[in-house]
Amino acid sequence: MALLAAENAMLVVIDFQARLMPAIHAGDSVLLNAGRLVEAARLLGIPAVLTEQNPRGLGATVPELAGAGPVVAKMSFDACAEPDFLDALAGDRELVICGCEAHVCVGQTVLSLLDHRRRVIVVADAIGSRAPESREIALNRMASHGAEIVTTEMVLFEWLRTADHPQFRTISKLIR
């Protein structure tokens, strides 16, 4: 199926950490969109998993996203190198990815997930890097290897499918 399905989705939130976010280009916008994804996932009962890169050095997940799901601490840039991360991925759900940095932890994790034959959906307006060109090159690379590139609104409305959905009004308010 080409459309995303809420009943088969899992949200993966990569390294939105306190000491990293101030360095991310357009970080406020990236964080706002990640927050929209987290809230929609909560409202729709979609499981989420978060990662933290070197939390002693980069701090914990930012308060706006904390508590969205279990947190996997990691030292590897590729979250798939951490057994706890792979264990946290629910079955064969399609993985909707947001996070930082696009060209390091997000990119390496996405490429590994693709190697594991997972359906990977990268939310372009909810990932960031310190330099915009690093983000753009990372998006192109991930897409060339099979990741689907989408926007936050695409995800939300595909998860809802219809204006008759009981959560339509609440979720549509997230993007106004």
C-alpha atoms as a PDB file:
ATOM      1  CA  MET A   1       0.000   0.000   0.000  1.00  0.00           C
ATOM      2  CA  ALA A   2       1.349   3.419  -0.932  1.00  0.00           C
ATOM      3  CA  LEU A   3      -0.626   5.458   1.599  1.00  0.00           C
ATOM      4  CA  LEU A   4       0.507   5.460   5.201  1.00  0.00           C
ATOM      5  CA  ALA A   5      -1.714   3.550   7.609  1.00  0.00           C
ATOM      6  CA  ALA A   6      -2.045   4.574  11.249  1.00  0.00           C
ATOM      7  CA  GLU A   7      -2.810   1.010  12.273  1.00  0.00           C
ATOM      8  CA  ASN A   8       0.517  -0.148  10.844  1.00  0.00           C
ATOM      9  CA  ALA A   9       2.707   2.821  11.811  1.00  0.00           C
ATOM     10  CA  MET A  10       5.387   3.509  14.364  1.00  0.00           C
ATOM     11  CA  LEU A  11       6.969   6.901  14.988  1.00  0.00           C
ATOM     12  CA  VAL A  12      10.754   7.006  15.412  1.00  0.00           C
ATOM     13  CA  VAL A  13      12.050  10.208  17.031  1.00  0.00           C
ATOM     14  CA  ILE A  14      15.825  10.493  16.641  1.00  0.00           C
ATOM     15  CA  ASP A  15      18.022  12.639  18.879  1.00  0.00           C
ATOM     16  CA  PHE A  16      15.962  15.747  19.619  1.00  0.00           C
ATOM     17  CA  GLN A  17      18.290  16.667  22.468  1.00  0.00           C
ATOM     18  CA  ALA A  18      18.657  19.802  24.542  1.00  0.00           C
ATOM     19  CA  ARG A  19      22.273  20.612  23.674  1.00  0.00           C
ATOM     20  CA  LEU A  20      21.905  19.732  19.978  1.00  0.00           C
ATOM     21  CA  MET A  21      18.756  21.651  19.045  1.00  0.00           C
ATOM     22  CA  PRO A  22      20.165  25.201  19.294  1.00  0.00           C
ATOM     23  CA  ALA A  23      22.682  24.307  16.552  1.00  0.00           C
ATOM     24  CA  ILE A  24      20.076  22.918  14.129  1.00  0.00           C
ATOM     25  CA  HIS A  25      19.192  25.149  11.164  1.00  0.00           C
ATOM     26  CA  ALA A  26      15.495  26.115  11.477  1.00  0.00           C
ATOM     27  CA  GLY A  27      15.443  24.011  14.638  1.00  0.00           C
ATOM     28  CA  ASP A  28      12.261  25.625  15.984  1.00  0.00           C
ATOM     29  CA  SER A  29      10.323  24.623  12.869  1.00  0.00           C
ATOM     30  CA  VAL A  30      11.764  21.099  12.868  1.00  0.00           C
ATOM     31  CA  LEU A  31      10.853  20.700  16.547  1.00  0.00           C
ATOM     32  CA  LEU A  32       7.347  22.090  15.987  1.00  0.00           C
ATOM     33  CA  ASN A  33       6.681  19.509  13.262  1.00  0.00           C
ATOM     34  CA  ALA A  34       8.122  16.695  15.354  1.00  0.00           C
ATOM     35  CA  GLY A  35       5.793  17.775  18.157  1.00  0.00           C
ATOM     36  CA  ARG A  36       2.845  17.601  15.770  1.00  0.00           C
ATOM     37  CA  LEU A  37       3.819  14.059  14.805  1.00  0.00           C
ATOM     38  CA  VAL A  38       4.239  13.025  18.444  1.00  0.00           C
ATOM     39  CA  GLU A  39       0.861  14.467  19.432  1.00  0.00           C
ATOM     40  CA  ALA A  40      -0.946  12.914  16.457  1.00  0.00           C
ATOM     41  CA  ALA A  41       0.667   9.553  17.211  1.00  0.00           C
ATOM     42  CA  ARG A  42      -0.492   9.831  20.826  1.00  0.00           C
ATOM     43  CA  LEU A  43      -4.050  10.696  19.784  1.00  0.00           C
ATOM     44  CA  LEU A  44      -4.173   7.820  17.295  1.00  0.00           C
ATOM     45  CA  GLY A  45      -2.538   5.219  19.536  1.00  0.00           C
ATOM     46  CA  ILE A  46       0.529   4.906  17.306  1.00  0.00           C
ATOM     47  CA  PRO A  47       3.574   3.650  19.231  1.00  0.00           C
ATOM     48  CA  ALA A  48       6.725   5.749  19.304  1.00  0.00           C
ATOM     49  CA  VAL A  49      10.354   5.152  20.207  1.00  0.00           C
ATOM     50  CA  LEU A  50      12.932   7.857  20.895  1.00  0.00           C
ATOM     51  CA  THR A  51      16.706   7.790  20.721  1.00  0.00           C
ATOM     52  CA  GLU A  52      19.314   9.885  22.486  1.00  0.00           C
ATOM     53  CA  GLN A  53      22.840  10.139  21.107  1.00  0.00           C
ATOM     54  CA  ASN A  54      25.444  10.225  23.874  1.00  0.00           C
ATOM     55  CA  PRO A  55      22.966  11.639  26.415  1.00  0.00           C
ATOM     56  CA  ARG A  56      25.748  12.503  28.876  1.00  0.00           C
ATOM     57  CA  GLY A  57      27.219  14.845  26.294  1.00  0.00           C
ATOM     58  CA  LEU A  58      24.122  16.088  24.451  1.00  0.00           C
ATOM     59  CA  GLY A  59      21.557  15.951  27.232  1.00  0.00           C
ATOM     60  CA  ALA A  60      18.136  14.364  27.352  1.00  0.00           C
ATOM     61  CA  THR A  61      15.293  14.656  24.857  1.00  0.00           C
ATOM     62  CA  VAL A  62      13.830  18.165  24.772  1.00  0.00           C
ATOM     63  CA  PRO A  63      10.856  18.571  27.136  1.00  0.00           C
ATOM     64  CA  GLU A  64       8.404  19.129  24.261  1.00  0.00           C
ATOM     65  CA  LEU A  65       8.916  15.535  23.071  1.00  0.00           C
ATOM     66  CA  ALA A  66       9.920  13.754  26.283  1.00  0.00           C
ATOM     67  CA  GLY A  67       7.659  10.939  27.350  1.00  0.00           C
ATOM     68  CA  ALA A  68       6.412  10.136  23.835  1.00  0.00           C
ATOM     69  CA  GLY A  69       7.731   6.585  24.142  1.00  0.00           C
ATOM     70  CA  PRO A  70      10.618   4.516  25.421  1.00  0.00           C
ATOM     71  CA  VAL A  71      14.065   6.059  25.013  1.00  0.00           C
ATOM     72  CA  VAL A  72      17.052   4.158  23.658  1.00  0.00           C
ATOM     73  CA  ALA A  73      20.382   5.708  24.662  1.00  0.00           C
ATOM     74  CA  LYS A  74      23.085   5.138  22.077  1.00  0.00           C
ATOM     75  CA  MET A  75      26.669   5.885  21.246  1.00  0.00           C
ATOM     76  CA  SER A  76      26.454   4.592  17.675  1.00  0.00           C
ATOM     77  CA  PHE A  77      25.221   7.098  15.116  1.00  0.00           C
ATOM     78  CA  ASP A  78      23.191   4.281  13.537  1.00  0.00           C
ATOM     79  CA  ALA A  79      20.481   3.406  16.056  1.00  0.00           C
ATOM     80  CA  CYS A  80      20.215  -0.066  14.498  1.00  0.00           C
ATOM     81  CA  ALA A  81      23.609  -0.883  16.032  1.00  0.00           C
ATOM     82  CA  GLU A  82      21.860  -0.838  19.418  1.00  0.00           C
ATOM     83  CA  PRO A  83      19.987  -4.100  20.133  1.00  0.00           C
ATOM     84  CA  ASP A  84      17.517  -2.221  22.357  1.00  0.00           C
ATOM     85  CA  PHE A  85      16.496  -0.076  19.393  1.00  0.00           C
ATOM     86  CA  LEU A  86      15.785  -3.021  17.122  1.00  0.00           C
ATOM     87  CA  ASP A  87      13.883  -4.704  19.964  1.00  0.00           C
ATOM     88  CA  ALA A  88      11.758  -1.555  20.399  1.00  0.00           C
ATOM     89  CA  LEU A  89      10.565  -1.584  16.785  1.00  0.00           C
ATOM     90  CA  ALA A  90       7.132  -3.147  16.802  1.00  0.00           C
ATOM     91  CA  GLY A  91       6.941  -6.055  14.361  1.00  0.00           C
ATOM     92  CA  ASP A  92       7.034  -4.977  10.759  1.00  0.00           C
ATOM     93  CA  ARG A  93       5.280  -1.618  11.148  1.00  0.00           C
ATOM     94  CA  GLU A  94       6.103   1.153   8.686  1.00  0.00           C
ATOM     95  CA  LEU A  95       8.545   3.509  10.368  1.00  0.00           C
ATOM     96  CA  VAL A  96       7.863   7.239  10.239  1.00  0.00           C
ATOM     97  CA  ILE A  97      11.130   9.018  11.019  1.00  0.00           C
ATOM     98  CA  CYS A  98      11.820  12.489  12.388  1.00  0.00           C
ATOM     99  CA  GLY A  99      15.013  13.705  14.008  1.00  0.00           C
ATOM    100  CA  CYS A 100      18.465  15.222  13.952  1.00  0.00           C
ATOM    101  CA  GLU A 101      20.929  15.274  12.344  1.00  0.00           C
ATOM    102  CA  ALA A 102      19.742  14.322   8.883  1.00  0.00           C
ATOM    103  CA  HIS A 103      23.189  13.534   7.518  1.00  0.00           C
ATOM    104  CA  VAL A 104      24.471  11.622  10.549  1.00  0.00           C
ATOM    105  CA  CYS A 105      22.160   9.756  12.945  1.00  0.00           C
ATOM    106  CA  VAL A 106      18.972  10.023  10.879  1.00  0.00           C
ATOM    107  CA  GLY A 107      20.730   9.091   7.644  1.00  0.00           C
ATOM    108  CA  GLN A 108      22.677   6.158   9.033  1.00  0.00           C
ATOM    109  CA  THR A 109      19.644   4.795  10.869  1.00  0.00           C
ATOM    110  CA  VAL A 110      17.409   5.117   7.800  1.00  0.00           C
ATOM    111  CA  LEU A 111      19.925   3.379   5.537  1.00  0.00           C
ATOM    112  CA  SER A 112      20.278   0.522   8.046  1.00  0.00           C
ATOM    113  CA  LEU A 113      16.518   0.190   8.407  1.00  0.00           C
ATOM    114  CA  LEU A 114      16.267  -0.057   4.620  1.00  0.00           C
ATOM    115  CA  ASP A 115      18.942  -2.778   4.709  1.00  0.00           C
ATOM    116  CA  HIS A 116      16.666  -4.559   7.220  1.00  0.00           C
ATOM    117  CA  ARG A 117      13.925  -4.358   4.545  1.00  0.00           C
ATOM    118  CA  ARG A 118      11.712  -1.994   6.536  1.00  0.00           C
ATOM    119  CA  ARG A 119       9.345   0.535   4.980  1.00  0.00           C
ATOM    120  CA  VAL A 120      10.873   3.854   5.983  1.00  0.00           C
ATOM    121  CA  ILE A 121       9.117   7.200   5.691  1.00  0.00           C
ATOM    122  CA  VAL A 122      11.272  10.277   6.363  1.00  0.00           C
ATOM    123  CA  VAL A 123       9.383  13.430   7.328  1.00  0.00           C
ATOM    124  CA  ALA A 124      11.416  16.114   5.551  1.00  0.00           C
ATOM    125  CA  ASP A 125      10.093  19.091   7.509  1.00  0.00           C
ATOM    126  CA  ALA A 126      10.690  17.265  10.819  1.00  0.00           C
ATOM    127  CA  ILE A 127      14.376  16.465  10.315  1.00  0.00           C
ATOM    128  CA  GLY A 128      17.250  18.881  10.584  1.00  0.00           C
ATOM    129  CA  SER A 129      20.974  19.410  10.381  1.00  0.00           C
ATOM    130  CA  ARG A 130      23.287  22.220  11.357  1.00  0.00           C
ATOM    131  CA  ALA A 131      23.789  23.117   7.676  1.00  0.00           C
ATOM    132  CA  PRO A 132      20.869  23.162   5.202  1.00  0.00           C
ATOM    133  CA  GLU A 133      22.989  21.583   2.457  1.00  0.00           C
ATOM    134  CA  SER A 134      23.779  18.605   4.697  1.00  0.00           C
ATOM    135  CA  ARG A 135      20.052  18.065   5.210  1.00  0.00           C
ATOM    136  CA  GLU A 136      19.273  18.302   1.493  1.00  0.00           C
ATOM    137  CA  ILE A 137      22.047  15.906   0.483  1.00  0.00           C
ATOM    138  CA  ALA A 138      20.955  13.463   3.201  1.00  0.00           C
ATOM    139  CA  LEU A 139      17.331  13.567   1.992  1.00  0.00           C
ATOM    140  CA  ASN A 140      18.455  12.875  -1.571  1.00  0.00           C
ATOM    141  CA  ARG A 141      20.666   9.999  -0.458  1.00  0.00           C
ATOM    142  CA  MET A 142      17.957   8.401   1.689  1.00  0.00           C
ATOM    143  CA  ALA A 143      15.436   8.719  -1.165  1.00  0.00           C
ATOM    144  CA  SER A 144      17.846   7.206  -3.677  1.00  0.00           C
ATOM    145  CA  HIS A 145      18.117   4.133  -1.443  1.00  0.00           C
ATOM    146  CA  GLY A 146      14.357   3.705  -1.096  1.00  0.00           C
ATOM    147  CA  ALA A 147      13.180   5.919   1.758  1.00  0.00           C
ATOM    148  CA  GLU A 148       9.922   7.729   1.122  1.00  0.00           C
ATOM    149  CA  ILE A 149      10.176  11.477   1.673  1.00  0.00           C
ATOM    150  CA  VAL A 150       7.021  13.182   2.962  1.00  0.00           C
ATOM    151  CA  THR A 151       5.883  16.205   4.977  1.00  0.00           C
ATOM    152  CA  THR A 152       4.220  16.381   8.366  1.00  0.00           C
ATOM    153  CA  GLU A 153       0.848  17.248   6.837  1.00  0.00           C
ATOM    154  CA  MET A 154       1.067  14.302   4.453  1.00  0.00           C
ATOM    155  CA  VAL A 155       1.606  11.957   7.402  1.00  0.00           C
ATOM    156  CA  LEU A 156      -1.192  13.413   9.517  1.00  0.00           C
ATOM    157  CA  PHE A 157      -3.829  13.350   6.791  1.00  0.00           C
ATOM    158  CA  GLU A 158      -2.841   9.883   5.574  1.00  0.00           C
ATOM    159  CA  TRP A 159      -3.076   8.609   9.152  1.00  0.00           C
ATOM    160  CA  LEU A 160      -6.559  10.162   9.385  1.00  0.00           C
ATOM    161  CA  ARG A 161      -7.722   9.212   5.852  1.00  0.00           C
ATOM    162  CA  THR A 162     -11.059  11.025   6.228  1.00  0.00           C
ATOM    163  CA  ALA A 163     -12.604  14.163   7.685  1.00  0.00           C
ATOM    164  CA  ASP A 164     -15.039  11.774   9.404  1.00  0.00           C
ATOM    165  CA  HIS A 165     -12.249  10.389  11.606  1.00  0.00           C
ATOM    166  CA  PRO A 166     -13.038  10.989  15.304  1.00  0.00           C
ATOM    167  CA  GLN A 167      -9.663  12.767  15.764  1.00  0.00           C
ATOM    168  CA  PHE A 168      -9.895  14.889  12.585  1.00  0.00           C
ATOM    169  CA  ARG A 169     -10.707  18.207  14.273  1.00  0.00           C
ATOM    170  CA  THR A 170      -8.114  17.779  17.009  1.00  0.00           C
ATOM    171  CA  ILE A 171      -5.323  16.733  14.652  1.00  0.00           C
ATOM    172  CA  SER A 172      -6.164  19.299  11.990  1.00  0.00           C
ATOM    173  CA  LYS A 173      -5.800  21.997  14.669  1.00  0.00           C
ATOM    174  CA  LEU A 174      -2.188  20.915  15.138  1.00  0.00           C
ATOM    175  CA  ILE A 175      -1.279  22.396  11.750  1.00  0.00           C
ATOM    176  CA  ARG A 176      -3.210  25.645  11.862  1.00  0.00           C
END
